[in-house]
Amino acid sequence: MDENIIKLVRDLNDLDRQLVKVEGKMIKPSQCFRYETDPFHFMFNTNCPEELKQQVQSIFDRYKYMPSHKNDTSSQRVR
């Protein structure tokens, strides 16, 4: 696994320890968004709090360039 992906997952797991309130319920941040690595992208649920979106965006911004495929040496920018 790519080192940046390992770091990204570690940082997202750290964030997941901080529950957020969504529609009156306390949930893990990971329940508000989804990401994939080939190609690298992420999506937020419509009810995701703006503050959480900013935190997640900040984490993704640390790893802007990631391989688009394990056999491909080019990089792709996170959108």
PDB file of N, CA and C in Angstrom:
ATOM      1  N   MET A   1       0.849  -1.182   0.000  1.00  0.00           N
ATOM      2  CA  MET A   1       0.000   0.000   0.000  1.00  0.00           C
ATOM      3  C   MET A   1       0.888   1.237   0.000  1.00  0.00           C
ATOM      4  N   ASP A   2       0.484   2.244  -0.739  1.00  0.00           N
ATOM      5  CA  ASP A   2       1.228   3.488  -0.837  1.00  0.00           C
ATOM      6  C   ASP A   2       1.339   4.145   0.543  1.00  0.00           C
ATOM      7  N   GLU A   3       2.501   4.704   0.835  1.00  0.00           N
ATOM      8  CA  GLU A   3       2.748   5.332   2.136  1.00  0.00           C
ATOM      9  C   GLU A   3       1.765   6.469   2.422  1.00  0.00           C
ATOM     10  N   ASN A   4       1.444   7.275   1.409  1.00  0.00           N
ATOM     11  CA  ASN A   4       0.497   8.373   1.611  1.00  0.00           C
ATOM     12  C   ASN A   4      -0.895   7.863   1.960  1.00  0.00           C
ATOM     13  N   ILE A   5      -1.299   6.772   1.369  1.00  0.00           N
ATOM     14  CA  ILE A   5      -2.609   6.207   1.686  1.00  0.00           C
ATOM     15  C   ILE A   5      -2.619   5.716   3.127  1.00  0.00           C
ATOM     16  N   ILE A   6      -1.540   5.101   3.556  1.00  0.00           N
ATOM     17  CA  ILE A   6      -1.434   4.644   4.944  1.00  0.00           C
ATOM     18  C   ILE A   6      -1.554   5.827   5.900  1.00  0.00           C
ATOM     19  N   LYS A   7      -0.868   6.920   5.592  1.00  0.00           N
ATOM     20  CA  LYS A   7      -0.937   8.120   6.436  1.00  0.00           C
ATOM     21  C   LYS A   7      -2.338   8.721   6.422  1.00  0.00           C
ATOM     22  N   LEU A   8      -2.949   8.762   5.246  1.00  0.00           N
ATOM     23  CA  LEU A   8      -4.304   9.288   5.123  1.00  0.00           C
ATOM     24  C   LEU A   8      -5.270   8.482   5.992  1.00  0.00           C
ATOM     25  N   VAL A   9      -5.215   7.176   5.886  1.00  0.00           N
ATOM     26  CA  VAL A   9      -6.096   6.309   6.672  1.00  0.00           C
ATOM     27  C   VAL A   9      -5.843   6.506   8.163  1.00  0.00           C
ATOM     28  N   ARG A  10      -4.595   6.630   8.553  1.00  0.00           N
ATOM     29  CA  ARG A  10      -4.260   6.865   9.965  1.00  0.00           C
ATOM     30  C   ARG A  10      -4.891   8.169  10.455  1.00  0.00           C
ATOM     31  N   ASP A  11      -4.759   9.229   9.667  1.00  0.00           N
ATOM     32  CA  ASP A  11      -5.318  10.525  10.059  1.00  0.00           C
ATOM     33  C   ASP A  11      -6.847  10.485  10.117  1.00  0.00           C
ATOM     34  N   LEU A  12      -7.472   9.795   9.181  1.00  0.00           N
ATOM     35  CA  LEU A  12      -8.932   9.675   9.204  1.00  0.00           C
ATOM     36  C   LEU A  12      -9.394   8.839  10.396  1.00  0.00           C
ATOM     37  N   ASN A  13      -8.634   7.816  10.750  1.00  0.00           N
ATOM     38  CA  ASN A  13      -8.961   7.016  11.933  1.00  0.00           C
ATOM     39  C   ASN A  13      -8.850   7.851  13.202  1.00  0.00           C
ATOM     40  N   ASP A  14      -7.843   8.725  13.261  1.00  0.00           N
ATOM     41  CA  ASP A  14      -7.707   9.632  14.407  1.00  0.00           C
ATOM     42  C   ASP A  14      -8.927  10.544  14.505  1.00  0.00           C
ATOM     43  N   LEU A  15      -9.365  11.080  13.378  1.00  0.00           N
ATOM     44  CA  LEU A  15     -10.538  11.949  13.352  1.00  0.00           C
ATOM     45  C   LEU A  15     -11.785  11.185  13.799  1.00  0.00           C
ATOM     46  N   ASP A  16     -11.866   9.924  13.455  1.00  0.00           N
ATOM     47  CA  ASP A  16     -13.042   9.104  13.760  1.00  0.00           C
ATOM     48  C   ASP A  16     -13.246   8.893  15.262  1.00  0.00           C
ATOM     49  N   ARG A  17     -12.237   9.181  16.054  1.00  0.00           N
ATOM     50  CA  ARG A  17     -12.362   9.044  17.512  1.00  0.00           C
ATOM     51  C   ARG A  17     -13.163  10.191  18.121  1.00  0.00           C
ATOM     52  N   GLN A  18     -13.401  11.246  17.328  1.00  0.00           N
ATOM     53  CA  GLN A  18     -14.138  12.428  17.790  1.00  0.00           C
ATOM     54  C   GLN A  18     -15.552  12.374  17.206  1.00  0.00           C
ATOM     55  N   LEU A  19     -16.524  11.989  17.997  1.00  0.00           N
ATOM     56  CA  LEU A  19     -17.895  11.898  17.510  1.00  0.00           C
ATOM     57  C   LEU A  19     -18.438  13.281  17.161  1.00  0.00           C
ATOM     58  N   VAL A  20     -19.334  13.326  16.179  1.00  0.00           N
ATOM     59  CA  VAL A  20     -19.980  14.577  15.770  1.00  0.00           C
ATOM     60  C   VAL A  20     -21.493  14.406  15.882  1.00  0.00           C
ATOM     61  N   LYS A  21     -22.171  15.512  16.093  1.00  0.00           N
ATOM     62  CA  LYS A  21     -23.627  15.477  16.202  1.00  0.00           C
ATOM     63  C   LYS A  21     -24.239  15.788  14.840  1.00  0.00           C
ATOM     64  N   VAL A  22     -25.047  14.858  14.342  1.00  0.00           N
ATOM     65  CA  VAL A  22     -25.731  15.018  13.063  1.00  0.00           C
ATOM     66  C   VAL A  22     -27.197  14.652  13.281  1.00  0.00           C
ATOM     67  N   GLU A  23     -28.054  15.623  13.027  1.00  0.00           N
ATOM     68  CA  GLU A  23     -29.498  15.418  13.178  1.00  0.00           C
ATOM     69  C   GLU A  23     -29.847  14.850  14.551  1.00  0.00           C
ATOM     70  N   GLY A  24     -29.196  15.390  15.588  1.00  0.00           N
ATOM     71  CA  GLY A  24     -29.482  14.996  16.961  1.00  0.00           C
ATOM     72  C   GLY A  24     -28.826  13.711  17.425  1.00  0.00           C
ATOM     73  N   LYS A  25     -28.047  13.063  16.578  1.00  0.00           N
ATOM     74  CA  LYS A  25     -27.389  11.804  16.938  1.00  0.00           C
ATOM     75  C   LYS A  25     -25.882  11.987  16.920  1.00  0.00           C
ATOM     76  N   MET A  26     -25.199  11.323  17.835  1.00  0.00           N
ATOM     77  CA  MET A  26     -23.739  11.322  17.853  1.00  0.00           C
ATOM     78  C   MET A  26     -23.261  10.171  16.970  1.00  0.00           C
ATOM     79  N   ILE A  27     -22.464  10.507  15.962  1.00  0.00           N
ATOM     80  CA  ILE A  27     -21.967   9.489  15.030  1.00  0.00           C
ATOM     81  C   ILE A  27     -20.473   9.688  14.793  1.00  0.00           C
ATOM     82  N   LYS A  28     -19.851   8.666  14.233  1.00  0.00           N
ATOM     83  CA  LYS A  28     -18.447   8.781  13.838  1.00  0.00           C
ATOM     84  C   LYS A  28     -18.367   9.637  12.577  1.00  0.00           C
ATOM     85  N   PRO A  29     -17.341  10.462  12.454  1.00  0.00           N
ATOM     86  CA  PRO A  29     -17.173  11.268  11.244  1.00  0.00           C
ATOM     87  C   PRO A  29     -17.198  10.443   9.954  1.00  0.00           C
ATOM     88  N   SER A  30     -16.663   9.235  10.000  1.00  0.00           N
ATOM     89  CA  SER A  30     -16.611   8.408   8.788  1.00  0.00           C
ATOM     90  C   SER A  30     -17.993   8.038   8.262  1.00  0.00           C
ATOM     91  N   GLN A  31     -19.032   8.251   9.062  1.00  0.00           N
ATOM     92  CA  GLN A  31     -20.384   7.981   8.598  1.00  0.00           C
ATOM     93  C   GLN A  31     -20.926   9.131   7.751  1.00  0.00           C
ATOM     94  N   CYS A  32     -20.144  10.217   7.624  1.00  0.00           N
ATOM     95  CA  CYS A  32     -20.575  11.403   6.870  1.00  0.00           C
ATOM     96  C   CYS A  32     -19.904  11.530   5.508  1.00  0.00           C
ATOM     97  N   PHE A  33     -18.926  10.699   5.223  1.00  0.00           N
ATOM     98  CA  PHE A  33     -18.238  10.831   3.947  1.00  0.00           C
ATOM     99  C   PHE A  33     -17.741   9.473   3.481  1.00  0.00           C
ATOM    100  N   ARG A  34     -17.338   9.454   2.224  1.00  0.00           N
ATOM    101  CA  ARG A  34     -16.802   8.234   1.627  1.00  0.00           C
ATOM    102  C   ARG A  34     -15.639   8.638   0.731  1.00  0.00           C
ATOM    103  N   TYR A  35     -14.620   7.794   0.674  1.00  0.00           N
ATOM    104  CA  TYR A  35     -13.508   8.073  -0.231  1.00  0.00           C
ATOM    105  C   TYR A  35     -13.066   6.791  -0.913  1.00  0.00           C
ATOM    106  N   GLU A  36     -12.464   6.965  -2.079  1.00  0.00           N
ATOM    107  CA  GLU A  36     -11.891   5.862  -2.841  1.00  0.00           C
ATOM    108  C   GLU A  36     -10.532   6.307  -3.342  1.00  0.00           C
ATOM    109  N   THR A  37      -9.683   5.352  -3.643  1.00  0.00           N
ATOM    110  CA  THR A  37      -8.309   5.701  -4.021  1.00  0.00           C
ATOM    111  C   THR A  37      -7.970   5.455  -5.481  1.00  0.00           C
ATOM    112  N   ASP A  38      -8.880   4.887  -6.268  1.00  0.00           N
ATOM    113  CA  ASP A  38      -8.548   4.625  -7.666  1.00  0.00           C
ATOM    114  C   ASP A  38      -9.749   4.911  -8.561  1.00  0.00           C
ATOM    115  N   PRO A  39      -9.904   6.130  -9.059  1.00  0.00           N
ATOM    116  CA  PRO A  39      -9.069   7.310  -8.812  1.00  0.00           C
ATOM    117  C   PRO A  39      -9.404   7.911  -7.449  1.00  0.00           C
ATOM    118  N   PHE A  40      -8.487   8.684  -6.932  1.00  0.00           N
ATOM    119  CA  PHE A  40      -8.652   9.243  -5.605  1.00  0.00           C
ATOM    120  C   PHE A  40      -9.719  10.334  -5.616  1.00  0.00           C
ATOM    121  N   HIS A  41     -10.754  10.157  -4.794  1.00  0.00           N
ATOM    122  CA  HIS A  41     -11.812  11.158  -4.657  1.00  0.00           C
ATOM    123  C   HIS A  41     -12.580  10.896  -3.363  1.00  0.00           C
ATOM    124  N   PHE A  42     -13.360  11.881  -2.950  1.00  0.00           N
ATOM    125  CA  PHE A  42     -14.201  11.709  -1.777  1.00  0.00           C
ATOM    126  C   PHE A  42     -15.508  12.458  -1.966  1.00  0.00           C
ATOM    127  N   MET A  43     -16.535  12.025  -1.216  1.00  0.00           N
ATOM    128  CA  MET A  43     -17.860  12.640  -1.281  1.00  0.00           C
ATOM    129  C   MET A  43     -18.414  12.744   0.133  1.00  0.00           C
ATOM    130  N   PHE A  44     -19.137  13.832   0.391  1.00  0.00           N
ATOM    131  CA  PHE A  44     -19.774  14.029   1.685  1.00  0.00           C
ATOM    132  C   PHE A  44     -21.267  13.744   1.575  1.00  0.00           C
ATOM    133  N   ASN A  45     -21.849  13.234   2.656  1.00  0.00           N
ATOM    134  CA  ASN A  45     -23.301  13.117   2.742  1.00  0.00           C
ATOM    135  C   ASN A  45     -23.880  14.524   2.829  1.00  0.00           C
ATOM    136  N   THR A  46     -25.109  14.696   2.422  1.00  0.00           N
ATOM    137  CA  THR A  46     -25.726  16.022   2.427  1.00  0.00           C
ATOM    138  C   THR A  46     -25.903  16.582   3.829  1.00  0.00           C
ATOM    139  N   ASN A  47     -25.993  15.733   4.846  1.00  0.00           N
ATOM    140  CA  ASN A  47     -26.186  16.204   6.214  1.00  0.00           C
ATOM    141  C   ASN A  47     -24.875  16.350   6.996  1.00  0.00           C
ATOM    142  N   CYS A  48     -23.760  16.253   6.320  1.00  0.00           N
ATOM    143  CA  CYS A  48     -22.454  16.361   6.975  1.00  0.00           C
ATOM    144  C   CYS A  48     -22.232  17.803   7.454  1.00  0.00           C
ATOM    145  N   PRO A  49     -21.899  17.997   8.741  1.00  0.00           N
ATOM    146  CA  PRO A  49     -21.661  19.353   9.253  1.00  0.00           C
ATOM    147  C   PRO A  49     -20.500  20.040   8.530  1.00  0.00           C
ATOM    148  N   GLU A  50     -20.638  21.340   8.309  1.00  0.00           N
ATOM    149  CA  GLU A  50     -19.621  22.111   7.583  1.00  0.00           C
ATOM    150  C   GLU A  50     -18.255  22.027   8.271  1.00  0.00           C
ATOM    151  N   GLU A  51     -18.234  22.084   9.592  1.00  0.00           N
ATOM    152  CA  GLU A  51     -16.963  22.007  10.324  1.00  0.00           C
ATOM    153  C   GLU A  51     -16.252  20.680  10.054  1.00  0.00           C
ATOM    154  N   LEU A  52     -17.010  19.591  10.010  1.00  0.00           N
ATOM    155  CA  LEU A  52     -16.419  18.287   9.715  1.00  0.00           C
ATOM    156  C   LEU A  52     -15.904  18.248   8.280  1.00  0.00           C
ATOM    157  N   LYS A  53     -16.651  18.826   7.342  1.00  0.00           N
ATOM    158  CA  LYS A  53     -16.189  18.879   5.952  1.00  0.00           C
ATOM    159  C   LYS A  53     -14.836  19.580   5.872  1.00  0.00           C
ATOM    160  N   GLN A  54     -14.691  20.671   6.617  1.00  0.00           N
ATOM    161  CA  GLN A  54     -13.430  21.414   6.614  1.00  0.00           C
ATOM    162  C   GLN A  54     -12.299  20.592   7.220  1.00  0.00           C
ATOM    163  N   GLN A  55     -12.585  19.852   8.292  1.00  0.00           N
ATOM    164  CA  GLN A  55     -11.559  19.005   8.903  1.00  0.00           C
ATOM    165  C   GLN A  55     -11.111  17.907   7.942  1.00  0.00           C
ATOM    166  N   VAL A  56     -12.072  17.260   7.300  1.00  0.00           N
ATOM    167  CA  VAL A  56     -11.751  16.189   6.354  1.00  0.00           C
ATOM    168  C   VAL A  56     -10.984  16.759   5.167  1.00  0.00           C
ATOM    169  N   GLN A  57     -11.423  17.901   4.645  1.00  0.00           N
ATOM    170  CA  GLN A  57     -10.730  18.538   3.525  1.00  0.00           C
ATOM    171  C   GLN A  57      -9.282  18.843   3.897  1.00  0.00           C
ATOM    172  N   SER A  58      -9.065  19.303   5.113  1.00  0.00           N
ATOM    173  CA  SER A  58      -7.712  19.606   5.578  1.00  0.00           C
ATOM    174  C   SER A  58      -6.835  18.355   5.576  1.00  0.00           C
ATOM    175  N   ILE A  59      -7.398  17.238   6.002  1.00  0.00           N
ATOM    176  CA  ILE A  59      -6.648  15.974   5.992  1.00  0.00           C
ATOM    177  C   ILE A  59      -6.334  15.571   4.555  1.00  0.00           C
ATOM    178  N   PHE A  60      -7.322  15.629   3.666  1.00  0.00           N
ATOM    179  CA  PHE A  60      -7.084  15.263   2.273  1.00  0.00           C
ATOM    180  C   PHE A  60      -6.065  16.184   1.617  1.00  0.00           C
ATOM    181  N   ASP A  61      -6.082  17.456   1.988  1.00  0.00           N
ATOM    182  CA  ASP A  61      -5.131  18.411   1.405  1.00  0.00           C
ATOM    183  C   ASP A  61      -3.682  18.068   1.738  1.00  0.00           C
ATOM    184  N   ARG A  62      -3.455  17.366   2.825  1.00  0.00           N
ATOM    185  CA  ARG A  62      -2.085  16.946   3.178  1.00  0.00           C
ATOM    186  C   ARG A  62      -1.544  15.915   2.193  1.00  0.00           C
ATOM    187  N   TYR A  63      -2.443  15.231   1.509  1.00  0.00           N
ATOM    188  CA  TYR A  63      -2.055  14.139   0.608  1.00  0.00           C
ATOM    189  C   TYR A  63      -2.628  14.378  -0.783  1.00  0.00           C
ATOM    190  N   LYS A  64      -2.400  15.563  -1.321  1.00  0.00           N
ATOM    191  CA  LYS A  64      -3.003  15.959  -2.603  1.00  0.00           C
ATOM    192  C   LYS A  64      -2.603  15.075  -3.770  1.00  0.00           C
ATOM    193  N   TYR A  65      -1.381  14.644  -3.811  1.00  0.00           N
ATOM    194  CA  TYR A  65      -0.902  13.867  -4.950  1.00  0.00           C
ATOM    195  C   TYR A  65      -0.708  12.429  -4.533  1.00  0.00           C
ATOM    196  N   MET A  66      -1.494  11.570  -5.154  1.00  0.00           N
ATOM    197  CA  MET A  66      -1.418  10.147  -4.838  1.00  0.00           C
ATOM    198  C   MET A  66      -1.450   9.376  -6.149  1.00  0.00           C
ATOM    199  N   PRO A  67      -0.809   8.228  -6.204  1.00  0.00           N
ATOM    200  CA  PRO A  67      -0.856   7.432  -7.436  1.00  0.00           C
ATOM    201  C   PRO A  67      -2.294   7.073  -7.790  1.00  0.00           C
ATOM    202  N   SER A  68      -2.639   7.203  -9.062  1.00  0.00           N
ATOM    203  CA  SER A  68      -4.000   6.872  -9.483  1.00  0.00           C
ATOM    204  C   SER A  68      -4.178   5.368  -9.642  1.00  0.00           C
ATOM    205  N   HIS A  69      -3.089   4.652  -9.772  1.00  0.00           N
ATOM    206  CA  HIS A  69      -3.131   3.198  -9.872  1.00  0.00           C
ATOM    207  C   HIS A  69      -1.787   2.668  -9.415  1.00  0.00           C
ATOM    208  N   LYS A  70      -1.775   1.528  -8.764  1.00  0.00           N
ATOM    209  CA  LYS A  70      -0.518   1.034  -8.208  1.00  0.00           C
ATOM    210  C   LYS A  70       0.529   0.722  -9.271  1.00  0.00           C
ATOM    211  N   ASN A  71       0.130   0.492 -10.507  1.00  0.00           N
ATOM    212  CA  ASN A  71       1.092   0.234 -11.580  1.00  0.00           C
ATOM    213  C   ASN A  71       1.418   1.483 -12.381  1.00  0.00           C
ATOM    214  N   ASP A  72       0.816   2.586 -12.014  1.00  0.00           N
ATOM    215  CA  ASP A  72       0.980   3.838 -12.737  1.00  0.00           C
ATOM    216  C   ASP A  72       1.854   4.765 -11.905  1.00  0.00           C
ATOM    217  N   THR A  73       2.877   5.360 -12.499  1.00  0.00           N
ATOM    218  CA  THR A  73       3.781   6.230 -11.749  1.00  0.00           C
ATOM    219  C   THR A  73       3.316   7.672 -11.739  1.00  0.00           C
ATOM    220  N   SER A  74       2.270   7.995 -12.499  1.00  0.00           N
ATOM    221  CA  SER A  74       1.766   9.367 -12.500  1.00  0.00           C
ATOM    222  C   SER A  74       0.999   9.638 -11.213  1.00  0.00           C
ATOM    223  N   SER A  75       0.770  10.899 -10.935  1.00  0.00           N
ATOM    224  CA  SER A  75       0.021  11.284  -9.744  1.00  0.00           C
ATOM    225  C   SER A  75      -1.249  12.004 -10.151  1.00  0.00           C
ATOM    226  N   GLN A  76      -2.190  12.015  -9.236  1.00  0.00           N
ATOM    227  CA  GLN A  76      -3.465  12.661  -9.512  1.00  0.00           C
ATOM    228  C   GLN A  76      -3.817  13.570  -8.345  1.00  0.00           C
ATOM    229  N   ARG A  77      -4.294  14.755  -8.655  1.00  0.00           N
ATOM    230  CA  ARG A  77      -4.658  15.721  -7.624  1.00  0.00           C
ATOM    231  C   ARG A  77      -6.029  15.382  -7.038  1.00  0.00           C
ATOM    232  N   VAL A  78      -6.142  15.518  -5.731  1.00  0.00           N
ATOM    233  CA  VAL A  78      -7.416  15.328  -5.057  1.00  0.00           C
ATOM    234  C   VAL A  78      -8.331  16.466  -5.435  1.00  0.00           C
ATOM    235  N   ARG A  79      -9.570  16.153  -5.726  1.00  0.00           N
ATOM    236  CA  ARG A  79     -10.537  17.195  -6.106  1.00  0.00           C
ATOM    237  C   ARG A  79     -11.537  17.397  -5.018  1.00  0.00           C
TER     238      ARG A  79
END
